[in-house]
Amino acid sequence: MTIVNPTALSVINLFFWVLLLGAFVVEAWAFVDVIIRPSTAFPAAGKQTKPLWLVILGVAFVIGIGGAVGYLALLSIFPIAAFVVAAIYLVDVRPKVRSTRPGTRQGPYGPW
């Protein structure tokens, strides 16, 4: 018979909760960032439209709330997928959308 230390379990649970809270912060940052970007910048950067990113990151934001509050299981695939979506937006889409300027045309190798 193995005896499990309840303190060790609470430390592990705290560690995973901190990870979920950090993932929620990243998802919230991505969601707020997509809200403040102009709609015309997304097609100009060659990315999906702003409404599509709003829906995707909005769902990720809600899943992040559920993970941070504790309603979702710690090892569920949904908080992981929500974090991956937010990370893709922040690493790939956000820099290209930020680099577009209103009124400039964007070609495949930069503005022209």
PDB file of N, CA and C in Angstrom:
ATOM      1  N   MET A   1       0.842  -1.175   0.000  1.00  0.00           N
ATOM      2  CA  MET A   1       0.000   0.000   0.000  1.00  0.00           C
ATOM      3  C   MET A   1       0.893   1.247   0.000  1.00  0.00           C
ATOM      4  N   THR A   2       0.629   2.158  -0.917  1.00  0.00           N
ATOM      5  CA  THR A   2       1.407   3.387  -0.990  1.00  0.00           C
ATOM      6  C   THR A   2       0.665   4.510  -0.299  1.00  0.00           C
ATOM      7  N   ILE A   3       1.425   5.309   0.372  1.00  0.00           N
ATOM      8  CA  ILE A   3       0.848   6.454   1.065  1.00  0.00           C
ATOM      9  C   ILE A   3       1.219   7.702   0.266  1.00  0.00           C
ATOM     10  N   VAL A   4       0.213   8.491  -0.077  1.00  0.00           N
ATOM     11  CA  VAL A   4       0.421   9.702  -0.857  1.00  0.00           C
ATOM     12  C   VAL A   4       0.370  10.895   0.084  1.00  0.00           C
ATOM     13  N   ASN A   5       1.366  11.724  -0.016  1.00  0.00           N
ATOM     14  CA  ASN A   5       1.435  12.921   0.807  1.00  0.00           C
ATOM     15  C   ASN A   5       0.464  13.962   0.250  1.00  0.00           C
ATOM     16  N   PRO A   6      -0.552  14.391   1.014  1.00  0.00           N
ATOM     17  CA  PRO A   6      -1.511  15.384   0.490  1.00  0.00           C
ATOM     18  C   PRO A   6      -0.874  16.734   0.202  1.00  0.00           C
ATOM     19  N   THR A   7       0.192  17.064   0.883  1.00  0.00           N
ATOM     20  CA  THR A   7       0.868  18.326   0.611  1.00  0.00           C
ATOM     21  C   THR A   7       1.514  18.311  -0.769  1.00  0.00           C
ATOM     22  N   ALA A   8       2.072  17.172  -1.143  1.00  0.00           N
ATOM     23  CA  ALA A   8       2.688  17.056  -2.465  1.00  0.00           C
ATOM     24  C   ALA A   8       1.649  17.225  -3.561  1.00  0.00           C
ATOM     25  N   LEU A   9       0.477  16.653  -3.360  1.00  0.00           N
ATOM     26  CA  LEU A   9      -0.582  16.814  -4.352  1.00  0.00           C
ATOM     27  C   LEU A   9      -1.029  18.262  -4.453  1.00  0.00           C
ATOM     28  N   SER A  10      -1.105  18.949  -3.340  1.00  0.00           N
ATOM     29  CA  SER A  10      -1.539  20.341  -3.404  1.00  0.00           C
ATOM     30  C   SER A  10      -0.479  21.214  -4.082  1.00  0.00           C
ATOM     31  N   VAL A  11       0.805  20.875  -3.913  1.00  0.00           N
ATOM     32  CA  VAL A  11       1.857  21.627  -4.587  1.00  0.00           C
ATOM     33  C   VAL A  11       1.786  21.398  -6.094  1.00  0.00           C
ATOM     34  N   ILE A  12       1.540  20.178  -6.501  1.00  0.00           N
ATOM     35  CA  ILE A  12       1.403  19.873  -7.931  1.00  0.00           C
ATOM     36  C   ILE A  12       0.179  20.570  -8.508  1.00  0.00           C
ATOM     37  N   ASN A  13      -0.925  20.538  -7.782  1.00  0.00           N
ATOM     38  CA  ASN A  13      -2.140  21.225  -8.244  1.00  0.00           C
ATOM     39  C   ASN A  13      -1.909  22.726  -8.350  1.00  0.00           C
ATOM     40  N   LEU A  14      -1.185  23.287  -7.393  1.00  0.00           N
ATOM     41  CA  LEU A  14      -0.874  24.712  -7.440  1.00  0.00           C
ATOM     42  C   LEU A  14      -0.005  25.034  -8.657  1.00  0.00           C
ATOM     43  N   PHE A  15       0.964  24.182  -8.945  1.00  0.00           N
ATOM     44  CA  PHE A  15       1.829  24.375 -10.107  1.00  0.00           C
ATOM     45  C   PHE A  15       1.015  24.395 -11.397  1.00  0.00           C
ATOM     46  N   PHE A  16       0.114  23.425 -11.558  1.00  0.00           N
ATOM     47  CA  PHE A  16      -0.696  23.381 -12.768  1.00  0.00           C
ATOM     48  C   PHE A  16      -1.686  24.535 -12.830  1.00  0.00           C
ATOM     49  N   TRP A  17      -2.184  24.982 -11.687  1.00  0.00           N
ATOM     50  CA  TRP A  17      -3.088  26.121 -11.682  1.00  0.00           C
ATOM     51  C   TRP A  17      -2.345  27.381 -12.122  1.00  0.00           C
ATOM     52  N   VAL A  18      -1.082  27.532 -11.687  1.00  0.00           N
ATOM     53  CA  VAL A  18      -0.286  28.686 -12.110  1.00  0.00           C
ATOM     54  C   VAL A  18      -0.041  28.624 -13.619  1.00  0.00           C
ATOM     55  N   LEU A  19       0.208  27.424 -14.158  1.00  0.00           N
ATOM     56  CA  LEU A  19       0.351  27.286 -15.617  1.00  0.00           C
ATOM     57  C   LEU A  19      -0.934  27.678 -16.338  1.00  0.00           C
ATOM     58  N   LEU A  20      -2.074  27.226 -15.818  1.00  0.00           N
ATOM     59  CA  LEU A  20      -3.350  27.584 -16.438  1.00  0.00           C
ATOM     60  C   LEU A  20      -3.615  29.080 -16.341  1.00  0.00           C
ATOM     61  N   LEU A  21      -3.236  29.678 -15.235  1.00  0.00           N
ATOM     62  CA  LEU A  21      -3.415  31.124 -15.075  1.00  0.00           C
ATOM     63  C   LEU A  21      -2.524  31.887 -16.053  1.00  0.00           C
ATOM     64  N   GLY A  22      -1.298  31.427 -16.235  1.00  0.00           N
ATOM     65  CA  GLY A  22      -0.406  32.048 -17.220  1.00  0.00           C
ATOM     66  C   GLY A  22      -0.934  31.902 -18.631  1.00  0.00           C
ATOM     67  N   ALA A  23      -1.486  30.727 -18.945  1.00  0.00           N
ATOM     68  CA  ALA A  23      -2.081  30.517 -20.270  1.00  0.00           C
ATOM     69  C   ALA A  23      -3.273  31.441 -20.467  1.00  0.00           C
ATOM     70  N   PHE A  24      -4.057  31.653 -19.412  1.00  0.00           N
ATOM     71  CA  PHE A  24      -5.198  32.560 -19.505  1.00  0.00           C
ATOM     72  C   PHE A  24      -4.746  33.989 -19.791  1.00  0.00           C
ATOM     73  N   VAL A  25      -3.651  34.413 -19.180  1.00  0.00           N
ATOM     74  CA  VAL A  25      -3.132  35.759 -19.426  1.00  0.00           C
ATOM     75  C   VAL A  25      -2.728  35.915 -20.890  1.00  0.00           C
ATOM     76  N   VAL A  26      -2.089  34.894 -21.447  1.00  0.00           N
ATOM     77  CA  VAL A  26      -1.691  34.934 -22.863  1.00  0.00           C
ATOM     78  C   VAL A  26      -2.938  34.979 -23.748  1.00  0.00           C
ATOM     79  N   GLU A  27      -3.956  34.178 -23.422  1.00  0.00           N
ATOM     80  CA  GLU A  27      -5.188  34.168 -24.226  1.00  0.00           C
ATOM     81  C   GLU A  27      -5.926  35.494 -24.132  1.00  0.00           C
ATOM     82  N   ALA A  28      -5.947  36.098 -22.950  1.00  0.00           N
ATOM     83  CA  ALA A  28      -6.597  37.403 -22.790  1.00  0.00           C
ATOM     84  C   ALA A  28      -5.848  38.479 -23.578  1.00  0.00           C
ATOM     85  N   TRP A  29      -4.518  38.427 -23.550  1.00  0.00           N
ATOM     86  CA  TRP A  29      -3.694  39.390 -24.298  1.00  0.00           C
ATOM     87  C   TRP A  29      -3.979  39.275 -25.795  1.00  0.00           C
ATOM     88  N   ALA A  30      -4.048  38.056 -26.301  1.00  0.00           N
ATOM     89  CA  ALA A  30      -4.323  37.862 -27.727  1.00  0.00           C
ATOM     90  C   ALA A  30      -5.722  38.355 -28.079  1.00  0.00           C
ATOM     91  N   PHE A  31      -6.702  38.087 -27.222  1.00  0.00           N
ATOM     92  CA  PHE A  31      -8.082  38.500 -27.501  1.00  0.00           C
ATOM     93  C   PHE A  31      -8.212  40.020 -27.510  1.00  0.00           C
ATOM     94  N   VAL A  32      -7.601  40.682 -26.547  1.00  0.00           N
ATOM     95  CA  VAL A  32      -7.654  42.149 -26.504  1.00  0.00           C
ATOM     96  C   VAL A  32      -6.911  42.736 -27.696  1.00  0.00           C
ATOM     97  N   ASP A  33      -5.799  42.127 -28.079  1.00  0.00           N
ATOM     98  CA  ASP A  33      -5.025  42.640 -29.205  1.00  0.00           C
ATOM     99  C   ASP A  33      -5.809  42.547 -30.509  1.00  0.00           C
ATOM    100  N   VAL A  34      -6.529  41.461 -30.713  1.00  0.00           N
ATOM    101  CA  VAL A  34      -7.300  41.337 -31.953  1.00  0.00           C
ATOM    102  C   VAL A  34      -8.465  42.325 -31.969  1.00  0.00           C
ATOM    103  N   ILE A  35      -8.964  42.690 -30.799  1.00  0.00           N
ATOM    104  CA  ILE A  35     -10.051  43.670 -30.738  1.00  0.00           C
ATOM    105  C   ILE A  35      -9.571  45.044 -31.184  1.00  0.00           C
ATOM    106  N   ILE A  36      -8.355  45.434 -30.795  1.00  0.00           N
ATOM    107  CA  ILE A  36      -7.902  46.798 -31.080  1.00  0.00           C
ATOM    108  C   ILE A  36      -7.305  46.970 -32.473  1.00  0.00           C
ATOM    109  N   ARG A  37      -7.064  45.899 -33.185  1.00  0.00           N
ATOM    110  CA  ARG A  37      -6.483  46.008 -34.534  1.00  0.00           C
ATOM    111  C   ARG A  37      -7.570  46.369 -35.549  1.00  0.00           C
ATOM    112  N   PRO A  38      -7.241  47.168 -36.562  1.00  0.00           N
ATOM    113  CA  PRO A  38      -8.235  47.507 -37.587  1.00  0.00           C
ATOM    114  C   PRO A  38      -8.556  46.308 -38.469  1.00  0.00           C
ATOM    115  N   SER A  39      -9.797  46.246 -38.917  1.00  0.00           N
ATOM    116  CA  SER A  39     -10.255  45.107 -39.732  1.00  0.00           C
ATOM    117  C   SER A  39      -9.520  45.013 -41.060  1.00  0.00           C
ATOM    118  N   THR A  40      -9.144  46.132 -41.604  1.00  0.00           N
ATOM    119  CA  THR A  40      -8.488  46.109 -42.914  1.00  0.00           C
ATOM    120  C   THR A  40      -7.052  45.612 -42.861  1.00  0.00           C
ATOM    121  N   ALA A  41      -6.464  45.592 -41.677  1.00  0.00           N
ATOM    122  CA  ALA A  41      -5.066  45.162 -41.562  1.00  0.00           C
ATOM    123  C   ALA A  41      -4.902  43.659 -41.754  1.00  0.00           C
ATOM    124  N   PHE A  42      -5.934  42.890 -41.442  1.00  0.00           N
ATOM    125  CA  PHE A  42      -5.814  41.432 -41.534  1.00  0.00           C
ATOM    126  C   PHE A  42      -5.697  40.958 -42.989  1.00  0.00           C
ATOM    127  N   PRO A  43      -6.614  41.355 -43.883  1.00  0.00           N
ATOM    128  CA  PRO A  43      -6.423  40.948 -45.279  1.00  0.00           C
ATOM    129  C   PRO A  43      -5.185  41.588 -45.910  1.00  0.00           C
ATOM    130  N   ALA A  44      -4.846  42.802 -45.477  1.00  0.00           N
ATOM    131  CA  ALA A  44      -3.657  43.458 -46.033  1.00  0.00           C
ATOM    132  C   ALA A  44      -2.386  42.694 -45.658  1.00  0.00           C
ATOM    133  N   ALA A  45      -2.405  42.028 -44.514  1.00  0.00           N
ATOM    134  CA  ALA A  45      -1.246  41.244 -44.090  1.00  0.00           C
ATOM    135  C   ALA A  45      -1.289  39.821 -44.638  1.00  0.00           C
ATOM    136  N   GLY A  46      -2.347  39.491 -45.362  1.00  0.00           N
ATOM    137  CA  GLY A  46      -2.464  38.151 -45.929  1.00  0.00           C
ATOM    138  C   GLY A  46      -2.918  37.114 -44.918  1.00  0.00           C
ATOM    139  N   LYS A  47      -3.634  37.540 -43.886  1.00  0.00           N
ATOM    140  CA  LYS A  47      -4.101  36.630 -42.836  1.00  0.00           C
ATOM    141  C   LYS A  47      -5.623  36.516 -42.898  1.00  0.00           C
ATOM    142  N   GLN A  48      -6.163  35.621 -42.086  1.00  0.00           N
ATOM    143  CA  GLN A  48      -7.618  35.458 -42.013  1.00  0.00           C
ATOM    144  C   GLN A  48      -8.256  36.756 -41.522  1.00  0.00           C
ATOM    145  N   THR A  49      -9.567  36.863 -41.679  1.00  0.00           N
ATOM    146  CA  THR A  49     -10.270  38.096 -41.346  1.00  0.00           C
ATOM    147  C   THR A  49     -10.347  38.295 -39.835  1.00  0.00           C
ATOM    148  N   LYS A  50     -10.593  39.535 -39.460  1.00  0.00           N
ATOM    149  CA  LYS A  50     -10.711  39.880 -38.045  1.00  0.00           C
ATOM    150  C   LYS A  50     -11.874  39.167 -37.376  1.00  0.00           C
ATOM    151  N   PRO A  51     -13.078  39.075 -37.978  1.00  0.00           N
ATOM    152  CA  PRO A  51     -14.159  38.358 -37.302  1.00  0.00           C
ATOM    153  C   PRO A  51     -13.826  36.892 -37.008  1.00  0.00           C
ATOM    154  N   LEU A  52     -13.108  36.246 -37.923  1.00  0.00           N
ATOM    155  CA  LEU A  52     -12.731  34.854 -37.674  1.00  0.00           C
ATOM    156  C   LEU A  52     -11.768  34.763 -36.487  1.00  0.00           C
ATOM    157  N   TRP A  53     -10.796  35.661 -36.422  1.00  0.00           N
ATOM    158  CA  TRP A  53      -9.873  35.647 -35.292  1.00  0.00           C
ATOM    159  C   TRP A  53     -10.582  36.025 -34.001  1.00  0.00           C
ATOM    160  N   LEU A  54     -11.574  36.908 -34.074  1.00  0.00           N
ATOM    161  CA  LEU A  54     -12.349  37.247 -32.875  1.00  0.00           C
ATOM    162  C   LEU A  54     -13.080  36.022 -32.328  1.00  0.00           C
ATOM    163  N   VAL A  55     -13.670  35.241 -33.214  1.00  0.00           N
ATOM    164  CA  VAL A  55     -14.384  34.036 -32.773  1.00  0.00           C
ATOM    165  C   VAL A  55     -13.411  33.020 -32.192  1.00  0.00           C
ATOM    166  N   ILE A  56     -12.322  32.764 -32.908  1.00  0.00           N
ATOM    167  CA  ILE A  56     -11.351  31.764 -32.451  1.00  0.00           C
ATOM    168  C   ILE A  56     -10.752  32.161 -31.105  1.00  0.00           C
ATOM    169  N   LEU A  57     -10.309  33.404 -30.990  1.00  0.00           N
ATOM    170  CA  LEU A  57      -9.680  33.832 -29.737  1.00  0.00           C
ATOM    171  C   LEU A  57     -10.706  34.076 -28.639  1.00  0.00           C
ATOM    172  N   GLY A  58     -11.940  34.384 -29.005  1.00  0.00           N
ATOM    173  CA  GLY A  58     -13.004  34.491 -27.996  1.00  0.00           C
ATOM    174  C   GLY A  58     -13.291  33.148 -27.349  1.00  0.00           C
ATOM    175  N   VAL A  59     -13.335  32.103 -28.159  1.00  0.00           N
ATOM    176  CA  VAL A  59     -13.525  30.747 -27.618  1.00  0.00           C
ATOM    177  C   VAL A  59     -12.322  30.361 -26.757  1.00  0.00           C
ATOM    178  N   ALA A  60     -11.125  30.688 -27.216  1.00  0.00           N
ATOM    179  CA  ALA A  60      -9.921  30.397 -26.428  1.00  0.00           C
ATOM    180  C   ALA A  60      -9.953  31.156 -25.103  1.00  0.00           C
ATOM    181  N   PHE A  61     -10.433  32.384 -25.117  1.00  0.00           N
ATOM    182  CA  PHE A  61     -10.538  33.192 -23.902  1.00  0.00           C
ATOM    183  C   PHE A  61     -11.496  32.554 -22.900  1.00  0.00           C
ATOM    184  N   VAL A  62     -12.650  32.101 -23.386  1.00  0.00           N
ATOM    185  CA  VAL A  62     -13.634  31.458 -22.503  1.00  0.00           C
ATOM    186  C   VAL A  62     -13.080  30.154 -21.933  1.00  0.00           C
ATOM    187  N   ILE A  63     -12.406  29.380 -22.764  1.00  0.00           N
ATOM    188  CA  ILE A  63     -11.776  28.149 -22.282  1.00  0.00           C
ATOM    189  C   ILE A  63     -10.700  28.487 -21.254  1.00  0.00           C
ATOM    190  N   GLY A  64      -9.957  29.565 -21.476  1.00  0.00           N
ATOM    191  CA  GLY A  64      -8.941  29.995 -20.513  1.00  0.00           C
ATOM    192  C   GLY A  64      -9.546  30.388 -19.180  1.00  0.00           C
ATOM    193  N   ILE A  65     -10.702  31.045 -19.205  1.00  0.00           N
ATOM    194  CA  ILE A  65     -11.394  31.376 -17.952  1.00  0.00           C
ATOM    195  C   ILE A  65     -11.769  30.093 -17.224  1.00  0.00           C
ATOM    196  N   GLY A  66     -12.315  29.128 -17.967  1.00  0.00           N
ATOM    197  CA  GLY A  66     -12.685  27.854 -17.346  1.00  0.00           C
ATOM    198  C   GLY A  66     -11.492  27.126 -16.767  1.00  0.00           C
ATOM    199  N   GLY A  67     -10.368  27.208 -17.431  1.00  0.00           N
ATOM    200  CA  GLY A  67      -9.167  26.560 -16.907  1.00  0.00           C
ATOM    201  C   GLY A  67      -8.622  27.262 -15.683  1.00  0.00           C
ATOM    202  N   ALA A  68      -8.626  28.595 -15.698  1.00  0.00           N
ATOM    203  CA  ALA A  68      -8.082  29.357 -14.576  1.00  0.00           C
ATOM    204  C   ALA A  68      -8.967  29.254 -13.339  1.00  0.00           C
ATOM    205  N   VAL A  69     -10.272  29.182 -13.555  1.00  0.00           N
ATOM    206  CA  VAL A  69     -11.187  29.075 -12.420  1.00  0.00           C
ATOM    207  C   VAL A  69     -11.191  27.650 -11.872  1.00  0.00           C
ATOM    208  N   GLY A  70     -10.907  26.679 -12.715  1.00  0.00           N
ATOM    209  CA  GLY A  70     -10.811  25.310 -12.239  1.00  0.00           C
ATOM    210  C   GLY A  70     -11.935  24.411 -12.690  1.00  0.00           C
ATOM    211  N   TYR A  71     -12.775  24.885 -13.609  1.00  0.00           N
ATOM    212  CA  TYR A  71     -13.875  24.055 -14.079  1.00  0.00           C
ATOM    213  C   TYR A  71     -13.434  23.004 -15.087  1.00  0.00           C
ATOM    214  N   LEU A  72     -12.333  23.235 -15.746  1.00  0.00           N
ATOM    215  CA  LEU A  72     -11.823  22.265 -16.702  1.00  0.00           C
ATOM    216  C   LEU A  72     -10.764  21.402 -16.037  1.00  0.00           C
ATOM    217  N   ALA A  73     -10.676  20.175 -16.476  1.00  0.00           N
ATOM    218  CA  ALA A  73      -9.662  19.281 -15.916  1.00  0.00           C
ATOM    219  C   ALA A  73      -8.271  19.810 -16.239  1.00  0.00           C
ATOM    220  N   LEU A  74      -7.327  19.559 -15.351  1.00  0.00           N
ATOM    221  CA  LEU A  74      -5.979  20.097 -15.529  1.00  0.00           C
ATOM    222  C   LEU A  74      -5.302  19.566 -16.782  1.00  0.00           C
ATOM    223  N   LEU A  75      -5.539  18.337 -17.131  1.00  0.00           N
ATOM    224  CA  LEU A  75      -4.868  17.745 -18.283  1.00  0.00           C
ATOM    225  C   LEU A  75      -5.789  17.638 -19.495  1.00  0.00           C
ATOM    226  N   SER A  76      -6.840  18.426 -19.519  1.00  0.00           N
ATOM    227  CA  SER A  76      -7.752  18.425 -20.654  1.00  0.00           C
ATOM    228  C   SER A  76      -7.059  19.013 -21.872  1.00  0.00           C
ATOM    229  N   ILE A  77      -7.497  18.607 -23.041  1.00  0.00           N
ATOM    230  CA  ILE A  77      -6.898  19.096 -24.281  1.00  0.00           C
ATOM    231  C   ILE A  77      -7.371  20.523 -24.608  1.00  0.00           C
ATOM    232  N   PHE A  78      -8.505  20.936 -24.095  1.00  0.00           N
ATOM    233  CA  PHE A  78      -9.051  22.244 -24.450  1.00  0.00           C
ATOM    234  C   PHE A  78      -8.195  23.420 -23.983  1.00  0.00           C
ATOM    235  N   PRO A  79      -7.726  23.460 -22.729  1.00  0.00           N
ATOM    236  CA  PRO A  79      -6.842  24.575 -22.357  1.00  0.00           C
ATOM    237  C   PRO A  79      -5.533  24.577 -23.141  1.00  0.00           C
ATOM    238  N   ILE A  80      -5.042  23.411 -23.479  1.00  0.00           N
ATOM    239  CA  ILE A  80      -3.807  23.334 -24.263  1.00  0.00           C
ATOM    240  C   ILE A  80      -4.056  23.884 -25.667  1.00  0.00           C
ATOM    241  N   ALA A  81      -5.159  23.488 -26.289  1.00  0.00           N
ATOM    242  CA  ALA A  81      -5.490  23.973 -27.628  1.00  0.00           C
ATOM    243  C   ALA A  81      -5.738  25.480 -27.618  1.00  0.00           C
ATOM    244  N   ALA A  82      -6.401  25.977 -26.576  1.00  0.00           N
ATOM    245  CA  ALA A  82      -6.659  27.414 -26.486  1.00  0.00           C
ATOM    246  C   ALA A  82      -5.354  28.188 -26.379  1.00  0.00           C
ATOM    247  N   PHE A  83      -4.409  27.689 -25.609  1.00  0.00           N
ATOM    248  CA  PHE A  83      -3.107  28.353 -25.496  1.00  0.00           C
ATOM    249  C   PHE A  83      -2.363  28.320 -26.823  1.00  0.00           C
ATOM    250  N   VAL A  84      -2.417  27.199 -27.524  1.00  0.00           N
ATOM    251  CA  VAL A  84      -1.718  27.082 -28.811  1.00  0.00           C
ATOM    252  C   VAL A  84      -2.292  28.074 -29.818  1.00  0.00           C
ATOM    253  N   VAL A  85      -3.610  28.214 -29.852  1.00  0.00           N
ATOM    254  CA  VAL A  85      -4.245  29.164 -30.781  1.00  0.00           C
ATOM    255  C   VAL A  85      -3.805  30.596 -30.459  1.00  0.00           C
ATOM    256  N   ALA A  86      -3.811  30.949 -29.171  1.00  0.00           N
ATOM    257  CA  ALA A  86      -3.387  32.297 -28.779  1.00  0.00           C
ATOM    258  C   ALA A  86      -1.917  32.527 -29.108  1.00  0.00           C
ATOM    259  N   ALA A  87      -1.103  31.517 -28.913  1.00  0.00           N
ATOM    260  CA  ALA A  87       0.324  31.644 -29.226  1.00  0.00           C
ATOM    261  C   ALA A  87       0.545  31.800 -30.721  1.00  0.00           C
ATOM    262  N   ILE A  88      -0.211  31.079 -31.534  1.00  0.00           N
ATOM    263  CA  ILE A  88      -0.098  31.225 -32.990  1.00  0.00           C
ATOM    264  C   ILE A  88      -0.458  32.642 -33.408  1.00  0.00           C
ATOM    265  N   TYR A  89      -1.523  33.179 -32.825  1.00  0.00           N
ATOM    266  CA  TYR A  89      -1.895  34.546 -33.160  1.00  0.00           C
ATOM    267  C   TYR A  89      -0.788  35.524 -32.777  1.00  0.00           C
ATOM    268  N   LEU A  90      -0.277  35.391 -31.554  1.00  0.00           N
ATOM    269  CA  LEU A  90       0.716  36.350 -31.072  1.00  0.00           C
ATOM    270  C   LEU A  90       2.053  36.248 -31.795  1.00  0.00           C
ATOM    271  N   VAL A  91       2.420  35.052 -32.235  1.00  0.00           N
ATOM    272  CA  VAL A  91       3.725  34.863 -32.862  1.00  0.00           C
ATOM    273  C   VAL A  91       3.679  35.076 -34.373  1.00  0.00           C
ATOM    274  N   ASP A  92       2.592  34.680 -35.016  1.00  0.00           N
ATOM    275  CA  ASP A  92       2.533  34.732 -36.476  1.00  0.00           C
ATOM    276  C   ASP A  92       1.689  35.889 -36.999  1.00  0.00           C
ATOM    277  N   VAL A  93       0.474  36.024 -36.518  1.00  0.00           N
ATOM    278  CA  VAL A  93      -0.466  36.989 -37.096  1.00  0.00           C
ATOM    279  C   VAL A  93      -0.196  38.403 -36.590  1.00  0.00           C
ATOM    280  N   ARG A  94      -0.029  38.571 -35.297  1.00  0.00           N
ATOM    281  CA  ARG A  94       0.115  39.903 -34.708  1.00  0.00           C
ATOM    282  C   ARG A  94       1.266  40.707 -35.303  1.00  0.00           C
ATOM    283  N   PRO A  95       2.473  40.142 -35.460  1.00  0.00           N
ATOM    284  CA  PRO A  95       3.547  40.968 -36.039  1.00  0.00           C
ATOM    285  C   PRO A  95       3.247  41.443 -37.457  1.00  0.00           C
ATOM    286  N   LYS A  96       2.605  40.616 -38.255  1.00  0.00           N
ATOM    287  CA  LYS A  96       2.302  41.015 -39.633  1.00  0.00           C
ATOM    288  C   LYS A  96       1.178  42.036 -39.679  1.00  0.00           C
ATOM    289  N   VAL A  97       0.197  41.888 -38.805  1.00  0.00           N
ATOM    290  CA  VAL A  97      -0.902  42.850 -38.765  1.00  0.00           C
ATOM    291  C   VAL A  97      -0.406  44.186 -38.226  1.00  0.00           C
ATOM    292  N   ARG A  98       0.478  44.154 -37.253  1.00  0.00           N
ATOM    293  CA  ARG A  98       1.034  45.399 -36.708  1.00  0.00           C
ATOM    294  C   ARG A  98       1.877  46.144 -37.716  1.00  0.00           C
ATOM    295  N   SER A  99       2.531  45.406 -38.622  1.00  0.00           N
ATOM    296  CA  SER A  99       3.431  46.063 -39.568  1.00  0.00           C
ATOM    297  C   SER A  99       2.689  46.738 -40.717  1.00  0.00           C
ATOM    298  N   THR A 100       1.417  46.430 -40.907  1.00  0.00           N
ATOM    299  CA  THR A 100       0.667  47.088 -41.988  1.00  0.00           C
ATOM    300  C   THR A 100       0.282  48.484 -41.543  1.00  0.00           C
ATOM    301  N   ARG A 101       0.372  49.404 -42.453  1.00  0.00           N
ATOM    302  CA  ARG A 101       0.003  50.786 -42.195  1.00  0.00           C
ATOM    303  C   ARG A 101      -1.273  51.089 -42.965  1.00  0.00           C
ATOM    304  N   PRO A 102      -2.161  51.876 -42.393  1.00  0.00           N
ATOM    305  CA  PRO A 102      -3.374  52.236 -43.118  1.00  0.00           C
ATOM    306  C   PRO A 102      -3.048  52.996 -44.394  1.00  0.00           C
ATOM    307  N   GLY A 103      -3.647  52.581 -45.491  1.00  0.00           N
ATOM    308  CA  GLY A 103      -3.461  53.270 -46.759  1.00  0.00           C
ATOM    309  C   GLY A 103      -2.301  52.762 -47.587  1.00  0.00           C
ATOM    310  N   THR A 104      -1.504  51.853 -47.077  1.00  0.00           N
ATOM    311  CA  THR A 104      -0.401  51.311 -47.869  1.00  0.00           C
ATOM    312  C   THR A 104      -0.812  49.967 -48.432  1.00  0.00           C
ATOM    313  N   ARG A 105      -0.294  49.661 -49.584  1.00  0.00           N
ATOM    314  CA  ARG A 105      -0.574  48.368 -50.192  1.00  0.00           C
ATOM    315  C   ARG A 105       0.535  47.412 -49.830  1.00  0.00           C
ATOM    316  N   GLN A 106       0.182  46.191 -49.575  1.00  0.00           N
ATOM    317  CA  GLN A 106       1.139  45.197 -49.128  1.00  0.00           C
ATOM    318  C   GLN A 106       1.298  44.141 -50.233  1.00  0.00           C
ATOM    319  N   GLY A 107       2.496  43.978 -50.696  1.00  0.00           N
ATOM    320  CA  GLY A 107       2.784  42.957 -51.682  1.00  0.00           C
ATOM    321  C   GLY A 107       3.384  41.724 -51.000  1.00  0.00           C
ATOM    322  N   PRO A 108       3.761  40.716 -51.789  1.00  0.00           N
ATOM    323  CA  PRO A 108       4.302  39.511 -51.169  1.00  0.00           C
ATOM    324  C   PRO A 108       5.669  39.718 -50.524  1.00  0.00           C
ATOM    325  N   TYR A 109       6.381  40.790 -50.903  1.00  0.00           N
ATOM    326  CA  TYR A 109       7.702  41.033 -50.345  1.00  0.00           C
ATOM    327  C   TYR A 109       7.764  42.336 -49.537  1.00  0.00           C
ATOM    328  N   GLY A 110       6.629  42.887 -49.208  1.00  0.00           N
ATOM    329  CA  GLY A 110       6.583  44.112 -48.414  1.00  0.00           C
ATOM    330  C   GLY A 110       5.704  45.154 -49.066  1.00  0.00           C
ATOM    331  N   PRO A 111       5.682  46.346 -48.496  1.00  0.00           N
ATOM    332  CA  PRO A 111       4.811  47.398 -49.045  1.00  0.00           C
ATOM    333  C   PRO A 111       5.335  47.927 -50.375  1.00  0.00           C
ATOM    334  N   TRP A 112       4.419  48.418 -51.187  1.00  0.00           N
ATOM    335  CA  TRP A 112       4.784  49.019 -52.466  1.00  0.00           C
ATOM    336  C   TRP A 112       3.858  50.157 -52.786  1.00  0.00           C
TER     337      TRP A 112
END
